[in-house]
């Protein structure tokens, strides 16, 4: 699975990177980015990060 962050709406709160650092990190621009694939081992935390995003800019696709 692949995760995506819509940087246009990201507010840089770092919540996703704190919840699931295996998939999300903060870029040099201070905004979140998905840098790794969502695997069975981190799927639950990646979805938790998506669901916890205060501005709903994270999506996960098959």
Protein backbone atom coordinates (compact mmCIF):
# COMPACT_ATOMS: atom_id res chain seq x y z
CA UNK A 1 0.00 0.00 0.00
CA UNK A 2 1.05 3.57 -0.56
CA UNK A 3 0.45 6.58 1.69
CA UNK A 4 0.12 10.13 0.41
CA UNK A 5 0.19 13.53 2.13
CA UNK A 6 -1.47 16.52 0.48
CA UNK A 7 1.17 19.11 1.35
CA UNK A 8 -1.11 21.97 0.34
CA UNK A 9 -3.28 21.35 3.40
CA UNK A 10 -0.62 20.05 5.81
CA UNK A 11 -0.11 22.24 8.88
CA UNK A 12 3.13 20.57 10.03
CA UNK A 13 1.79 19.35 13.37
CA UNK A 14 4.06 16.25 13.26
CA UNK A 15 1.31 13.95 14.56
CA UNK A 16 1.60 11.43 11.72
CA UNK A 17 5.39 11.25 12.04
CA UNK A 18 5.05 10.69 15.78
CA UNK A 19 2.39 7.99 15.39
CA UNK A 20 3.97 6.13 12.47
CA UNK A 21 7.61 7.11 11.86
CA UNK A 22 8.03 4.00 9.71
CA UNK A 23 5.95 5.67 6.96
CA UNK A 24 5.80 9.41 7.70
CA UNK A 25 8.47 12.01 8.41
CA UNK A 26 8.78 15.76 8.41
CA UNK A 27 10.40 17.20 5.30
CA UNK A 28 12.87 20.04 5.07
CA UNK A 29 9.92 22.33 4.33
CA UNK A 30 8.40 21.55 7.74
CA UNK A 31 5.55 19.56 6.22
CA UNK A 32 4.81 15.87 6.51
CA UNK A 33 5.70 13.42 3.78
CA UNK A 34 5.14 9.73 3.23
CA UNK A 35 8.58 8.27 2.52
CA UNK A 36 7.99 4.52 2.78
CA UNK A 37 5.45 1.92 1.74
CA UNK A 38 2.70 0.85 4.10
CA UNK A 39 3.40 -2.78 4.99
CA UNK A 40 1.35 -5.34 6.92
CA UNK A 41 3.62 -4.66 9.91
CA UNK A 42 2.85 -0.92 10.01
CA UNK A 43 -0.60 -0.79 8.41
CA UNK A 44 -2.46 -0.27 11.68
CA UNK A 45 -0.28 2.64 12.82
CA UNK A 46 -0.30 4.19 9.33
CA UNK A 47 -4.10 4.14 9.36
CA UNK A 48 -4.10 5.56 12.89
CA UNK A 49 -1.89 8.41 11.64
CA UNK A 50 -4.28 9.02 8.74
CA UNK A 51 -7.30 9.01 11.00
CA UNK A 52 -5.61 11.28 13.57
CA UNK A 53 -4.59 13.97 11.08
CA UNK A 54 -6.37 17.16 12.22
CA UNK A 55 -6.70 18.47 8.66
CA UNK A 56 -7.39 15.12 6.93
CA UNK A 57 -4.65 15.38 4.29
CA UNK A 58 -3.40 11.79 4.49
CA UNK A 59 -4.67 9.03 2.23
CA UNK A 60 -3.70 5.37 1.94
CA UNK A 61 -4.31 3.43 -1.25
CA UNK A 62 -3.98 -0.25 -2.12
